[in-house]
PDB file of N, CA and C in Angstrom:
ATOM      1  N   MET A   1      35.566 -81.859-147.258  1.00  0.00           N
ATOM      2  CA  MET A   1      36.719 -81.303-147.926  1.00  0.00           C
ATOM      3  C   MET A   1      37.817 -82.362-147.962  1.00  0.00           C
ATOM      4  N   THR A   2      38.235 -82.693-149.157  1.00  0.00           N
ATOM      5  CA  THR A   2      39.298 -83.666-149.333  1.00  0.00           C
ATOM      6  C   THR A   2      40.628 -82.943-149.392  1.00  0.00           C
ATOM      7  N   GLU A   3      41.602 -83.479-148.674  1.00  0.00           N
ATOM      8  CA  GLU A   3      42.945 -82.905-148.702  1.00  0.00           C
ATOM      9  C   GLU A   3      43.882 -83.920-149.335  1.00  0.00           C
ATOM     10  N   TYR A   4      44.695 -83.461-150.275  1.00  0.00           N
ATOM     11  CA  TYR A   4      45.619 -84.316-151.006  1.00  0.00           C
ATOM     12  C   TYR A   4      47.034 -84.120-150.492  1.00  0.00           C
ATOM     13  N   LEU A   5      47.936 -84.975-150.929  1.00  0.00           N
ATOM     14  CA  LEU A   5      49.328 -84.912-150.477  1.00  0.00           C
ATOM     15  C   LEU A   5      50.044 -83.664-150.961  1.00  0.00           C
ATOM     16  N   CYS A   6      49.682 -83.199-152.164  1.00  0.00           N
ATOM     17  CA  CYS A   6      50.331 -82.022-152.725  1.00  0.00           C
ATOM     18  C   CYS A   6      49.429 -81.417-153.794  1.00  0.00           C
ATOM     19  N   LEU A   7      49.815 -80.269-154.282  1.00  0.00           N
ATOM     20  CA  LEU A   7      49.030 -79.578-155.296  1.00  0.00           C
ATOM     21  C   LEU A   7      48.850 -80.421-156.550  1.00  0.00           C
ATOM     22  N   SER A   8      49.882 -81.073-156.999  1.00  0.00           N
ATOM     23  CA  SER A   8      49.761 -81.865-158.230  1.00  0.00           C
ATOM     24  C   SER A   8      48.753 -83.009-158.055  1.00  0.00           C
ATOM     25  N   ASP A   9      48.700 -83.622-156.878  1.00  0.00           N
ATOM     26  CA  ASP A   9      47.688 -84.652-156.619  1.00  0.00           C
ATOM     27  C   ASP A   9      46.281 -84.061-156.686  1.00  0.00           C
ATOM     28  N   LEU A  10      46.116 -82.887-156.107  1.00  0.00           N
ATOM     29  CA  LEU A  10      44.829 -82.207-156.132  1.00  0.00           C
ATOM     30  C   LEU A  10      44.400 -81.932-157.573  1.00  0.00           C
ATOM     31  N   LEU A  11      45.299 -81.364-158.361  1.00  0.00           N
ATOM     32  CA  LEU A  11      44.970 -81.003-159.741  1.00  0.00           C
ATOM     33  C   LEU A  11      44.727 -82.235-160.605  1.00  0.00           C
ATOM     34  N   ASP A  12      45.430 -83.305-160.336  1.00  0.00           N
ATOM     35  CA  ASP A  12      45.237 -84.549-161.089  1.00  0.00           C
ATOM     36  C   ASP A  12      43.937 -85.261-160.724  1.00  0.00           C
ATOM     37  N   SER A  13      43.445 -85.039-159.508  1.00  0.00           N
ATOM     38  CA  SER A  13      42.296 -85.791-159.003  1.00  0.00           C
ATOM     39  C   SER A  13      40.962 -85.075-159.130  1.00  0.00           C
ATOM     40  N   GLU A  14      40.984 -83.754-159.162  1.00  0.00           N
ATOM     41  CA  GLU A  14      39.730 -82.993-159.187  1.00  0.00           C
ATOM     42  C   GLU A  14      39.695 -82.061-160.386  1.00  0.00           C
ATOM     43  N   LEU A  15      38.826 -82.352-161.318  1.00  0.00           N
ATOM     44  CA  LEU A  15      38.715 -81.550-162.529  1.00  0.00           C
ATOM     45  C   LEU A  15      38.351 -80.100-162.208  1.00  0.00           C
ATOM     46  N   SER A  16      37.460 -79.893-161.265  1.00  0.00           N
ATOM     47  CA  SER A  16      37.054 -78.519-160.929  1.00  0.00           C
ATOM     48  C   SER A  16      38.235 -77.728-160.359  1.00  0.00           C
ATOM     49  N   SER A  17      39.078 -78.367-159.573  1.00  0.00           N
ATOM     50  CA  SER A  17      40.270 -77.696-159.044  1.00  0.00           C
ATOM     51  C   SER A  17      41.239 -77.359-160.170  1.00  0.00           C
ATOM     52  N   TYR A  18      41.407 -78.285-161.094  1.00  0.00           N
ATOM     53  CA  TYR A  18      42.295 -78.064-162.231  1.00  0.00           C
ATOM     54  C   TYR A  18      41.793 -76.897-163.089  1.00  0.00           C
ATOM     55  N   GLU A  19      40.508 -76.885-163.383  1.00  0.00           N
ATOM     56  CA  GLU A  19      39.934 -75.811-164.197  1.00  0.00           C
ATOM     57  C   GLU A  19      40.052 -74.464-163.499  1.00  0.00           C
ATOM     58  N   TYR A  20      39.795 -74.443-162.202  1.00  0.00           N
ATOM     59  CA  TYR A  20      39.921 -73.200-161.431  1.00  0.00           C
ATOM     60  C   TYR A  20      41.362 -72.709-161.467  1.00  0.00           C
ATOM     61  N   PHE A  21      42.300 -73.595-161.205  1.00  0.00           N
ATOM     62  CA  PHE A  21      43.720 -73.238-161.202  1.00  0.00           C
ATOM     63  C   PHE A  21      44.128 -72.661-162.558  1.00  0.00           C
ATOM     64  N   CYS A  22      43.711 -73.296-163.631  1.00  0.00           N
ATOM     65  CA  CYS A  22      44.068 -72.847-164.983  1.00  0.00           C
ATOM     66  C   CYS A  22      43.469 -71.490-165.320  1.00  0.00           C
ATOM     67  N   SER A  23      42.373 -71.132-164.686  1.00  0.00           N
ATOM     68  CA  SER A  23      41.715 -69.859-164.965  1.00  0.00           C
ATOM     69  C   SER A  23      42.370 -68.671-164.253  1.00  0.00           C
ATOM     70  N   LEU A  24      43.275 -68.947-163.337  1.00  0.00           N
ATOM     71  CA  LEU A  24      43.875 -67.885-162.527  1.00  0.00           C
ATOM     72  C   LEU A  24      45.038 -67.205-163.250  1.00  0.00           C
ATOM     73  N   PRO A  25      45.308 -65.946-162.890  1.00  0.00           N
ATOM     74  CA  PRO A  25      46.485 -65.263-163.439  1.00  0.00           C
ATOM     75  C   PRO A  25      47.772 -65.959-162.989  1.00  0.00           C
ATOM     76  N   GLU A  26      48.797 -65.794-163.762  1.00  0.00           N
ATOM     77  CA  GLU A  26      50.068 -66.489-163.517  1.00  0.00           C
ATOM     78  C   GLU A  26      50.643 -66.214-162.128  1.00  0.00           C
ATOM     79  N   ASN A  27      50.577 -64.965-161.666  1.00  0.00           N
ATOM     80  CA  ASN A  27      51.149 -64.644-160.351  1.00  0.00           C
ATOM     81  C   ASN A  27      50.430 -65.373-159.219  1.00  0.00           C
ATOM     82  N   ILE A  28      49.134 -65.565-159.361  1.00  0.00           N
ATOM     83  CA  ILE A  28      48.377 -66.284-158.326  1.00  0.00           C
ATOM     84  C   ILE A  28      48.668 -67.780-158.405  1.00  0.00           C
ATOM     85  N   LYS A  29      48.806 -68.303-159.610  1.00  0.00           N
ATOM     86  CA  LYS A  29      49.206 -69.712-159.756  1.00  0.00           C
ATOM     87  C   LYS A  29      50.539 -69.964-159.067  1.00  0.00           C
ATOM     88  N   GLN A  30      51.484 -69.065-159.262  1.00  0.00           N
ATOM     89  CA  GLN A  30      52.800 -69.225-158.647  1.00  0.00           C
ATOM     90  C   GLN A  30      52.706 -69.233-157.133  1.00  0.00           C
ATOM     91  N   LYS A  31      51.880 -68.363-156.571  1.00  0.00           N
ATOM     92  CA  LYS A  31      51.704 -68.317-155.117  1.00  0.00           C
ATOM     93  C   LYS A  31      51.083 -69.623-154.611  1.00  0.00           C
ATOM     94  N   ILE A  32      50.087 -70.139-155.326  1.00  0.00           N
ATOM     95  CA  ILE A  32      49.452 -71.400-154.942  1.00  0.00           C
ATOM     96  C   ILE A  32      50.469 -72.535-155.001  1.00  0.00           C
ATOM     97  N   GLU A  33      51.313 -72.527-156.024  1.00  0.00           N
ATOM     98  CA  GLU A  33      52.366 -73.545-156.131  1.00  0.00           C
ATOM     99  C   GLU A  33      53.351 -73.425-154.978  1.00  0.00           C
ATOM    100  N   MET A  34      53.743 -72.196-154.633  1.00  0.00           N
ATOM    101  CA  MET A  34      54.680 -71.994-153.515  1.00  0.00           C
ATOM    102  C   MET A  34      54.088 -72.475-152.199  1.00  0.00           C
ATOM    103  N   GLU A  35      52.795 -72.210-152.009  1.00  0.00           N
ATOM    104  CA  GLU A  35      52.112 -72.623-150.776  1.00  0.00           C
ATOM    105  C   GLU A  35      51.755 -74.107-150.791  1.00  0.00           C
ATOM    106  N   ASP A  36      51.810 -74.733-151.964  1.00  0.00           N
ATOM    107  CA  ASP A  36      51.485 -76.144-152.151  1.00  0.00           C
ATOM    108  C   ASP A  36      50.107 -76.481-151.583  1.00  0.00           C
ATOM    109  N   ALA A  37      49.094 -75.769-152.096  1.00  0.00           N
ATOM    110  CA  ALA A  37      47.713 -75.982-151.657  1.00  0.00           C
ATOM    111  C   ALA A  37      47.333 -77.448-151.810  1.00  0.00           C
ATOM    112  N   ARG A  38      46.603 -77.954-150.827  1.00  0.00           N
ATOM    113  CA  ARG A  38      46.238 -79.375-150.826  1.00  0.00           C
ATOM    114  C   ARG A  38      44.744 -79.620-150.868  1.00  0.00           C
ATOM    115  N   SER A  39      43.969 -78.539-150.999  1.00  0.00           N
ATOM    116  CA  SER A  39      42.521 -78.679-151.132  1.00  0.00           C
ATOM    117  C   SER A  39      41.996 -77.514-151.966  1.00  0.00           C
ATOM    118  N   PHE A  40      40.801 -77.710-152.514  1.00  0.00           N
ATOM    119  CA  PHE A  40      40.203 -76.665-153.328  1.00  0.00           C
ATOM    120  C   PHE A  40      39.970 -75.408-152.503  1.00  0.00           C
ATOM    121  N   SER A  41      39.483 -75.574-151.286  1.00  0.00           N
ATOM    122  CA  SER A  41      39.210 -74.416-150.429  1.00  0.00           C
ATOM    123  C   SER A  41      40.496 -73.681-150.059  1.00  0.00           C
ATOM    124  N   GLU A  42      41.581 -74.410-149.857  1.00  0.00           N
ATOM    125  CA  GLU A  42      42.866 -73.768-149.567  1.00  0.00           C
ATOM    126  C   GLU A  42      43.341 -72.979-150.785  1.00  0.00           C
ATOM    127  N   MET A  43      43.170 -73.551-151.959  1.00  0.00           N
ATOM    128  CA  MET A  43      43.557 -72.871-153.190  1.00  0.00           C
ATOM    129  C   MET A  43      42.738 -71.583-153.352  1.00  0.00           C
ATOM    130  N   GLN A  44      41.444 -71.644-153.083  1.00  0.00           N
ATOM    131  CA  GLN A  44      40.587 -70.463-153.182  1.00  0.00           C
ATOM    132  C   GLN A  44      41.002 -69.390-152.179  1.00  0.00           C
ATOM    133  N   ALA A  45      41.357 -69.795-150.972  1.00  0.00           N
ATOM    134  CA  ALA A  45      41.760 -68.839-149.939  1.00  0.00           C
ATOM    135  C   ALA A  45      43.042 -68.114-150.341  1.00  0.00           C
ATOM    136  N   ILE A  46      43.991 -68.841-150.885  1.00  0.00           N
ATOM    137  CA  ILE A  46      45.255 -68.225-151.331  1.00  0.00           C
ATOM    138  C   ILE A  46      44.967 -67.247-152.464  1.00  0.00           C
ATOM    139  N   ALA A  47      44.138 -67.654-153.423  1.00  0.00           N
ATOM    140  CA  ALA A  47      43.792 -66.784-154.554  1.00  0.00           C
ATOM    141  C   ALA A  47      43.087 -65.523-154.059  1.00  0.00           C
ATOM    142  N   ARG A  48      42.163 -65.682-153.119  1.00  0.00           N
ATOM    143  CA  ARG A  48      41.434 -64.541-152.568  1.00  0.00           C
ATOM    144  C   ARG A  48      42.388 -63.562-151.891  1.00  0.00           C
ATOM    145  N   GLN A  49      43.322 -64.075-151.103  1.00  0.00           N
ATOM    146  CA  GLN A  49      44.318 -63.222-150.433  1.00  0.00           C
ATOM    147  C   GLN A  49      45.154 -62.453-151.446  1.00  0.00           C
ATOM    148  N   GLU A  50      45.605 -63.129-152.471  1.00  0.00           N
ATOM    149  CA  GLU A  50      46.447 -62.488-153.486  1.00  0.00           C
ATOM    150  C   GLU A  50      45.676 -61.432-154.268  1.00  0.00           C
ATOM    151  N   LYS A  51      44.414 -61.718-154.557  1.00  0.00           N
ATOM    152  CA  LYS A  51      43.598 -60.737-155.266  1.00  0.00           C
ATOM    153  C   LYS A  51      43.371 -59.506-154.403  1.00  0.00           C
ATOM    154  N   GLN A  52      43.169 -59.698-153.111  1.00  0.00           N
ATOM    155  CA  GLN A  52      42.972 -58.565-152.188  1.00  0.00           C
ATOM    156  C   GLN A  52      44.234 -57.729-152.082  1.00  0.00           C
ATOM    157  N   LYS A  53      45.379 -58.367-152.078  1.00  0.00           N
ATOM    158  CA  LYS A  53      46.654 -57.634-152.032  1.00  0.00           C
ATOM    159  C   LYS A  53      46.784 -56.702-153.232  1.00  0.00           C
ATOM    160  N   GLY A  54      46.284 -57.149-154.385  1.00  0.00           N
ATOM    161  CA  GLY A  54      46.362 -56.363-155.597  1.00  0.00           C
ATOM    162  C   GLY A  54      45.542 -55.087-155.541  1.00  0.00           C
ATOM    163  N   PHE A  55      44.548 -55.044-154.652  1.00  0.00           N
ATOM    164  CA  PHE A  55      43.693 -53.864-154.527  1.00  0.00           C
ATOM    165  C   PHE A  55      44.197 -52.898-153.465  1.00  0.00           C
ATOM    166  N   LEU A  56      45.190 -53.298-152.704  1.00  0.00           N
ATOM    167  CA  LEU A  56      45.742 -52.423-151.669  1.00  0.00           C
ATOM    168  C   LEU A  56      46.768 -51.477-152.285  1.00  0.00           C
ATOM    169  N   PHE A  57      46.795 -50.260-151.807  1.00  0.00           N
ATOM    170  CA  PHE A  57      47.748 -49.282-152.340  1.00  0.00           C
ATOM    171  C   PHE A  57      48.823 -48.984-151.333  1.00  0.00           C
TER     172      PHE A  57
END
């Protein structure tokens, strides 16, 4: 797992991370930006948490 200095470095360096990020809903993108994810797995974990929150009542 490669960790980058910031989210923009991650998105600029890994096409799969960029494509995944672009496929996400806007609210999840904003959360990932706020958390400043530095790896693909970190980005996935944040997205998973946010998606789970959406299913809670």
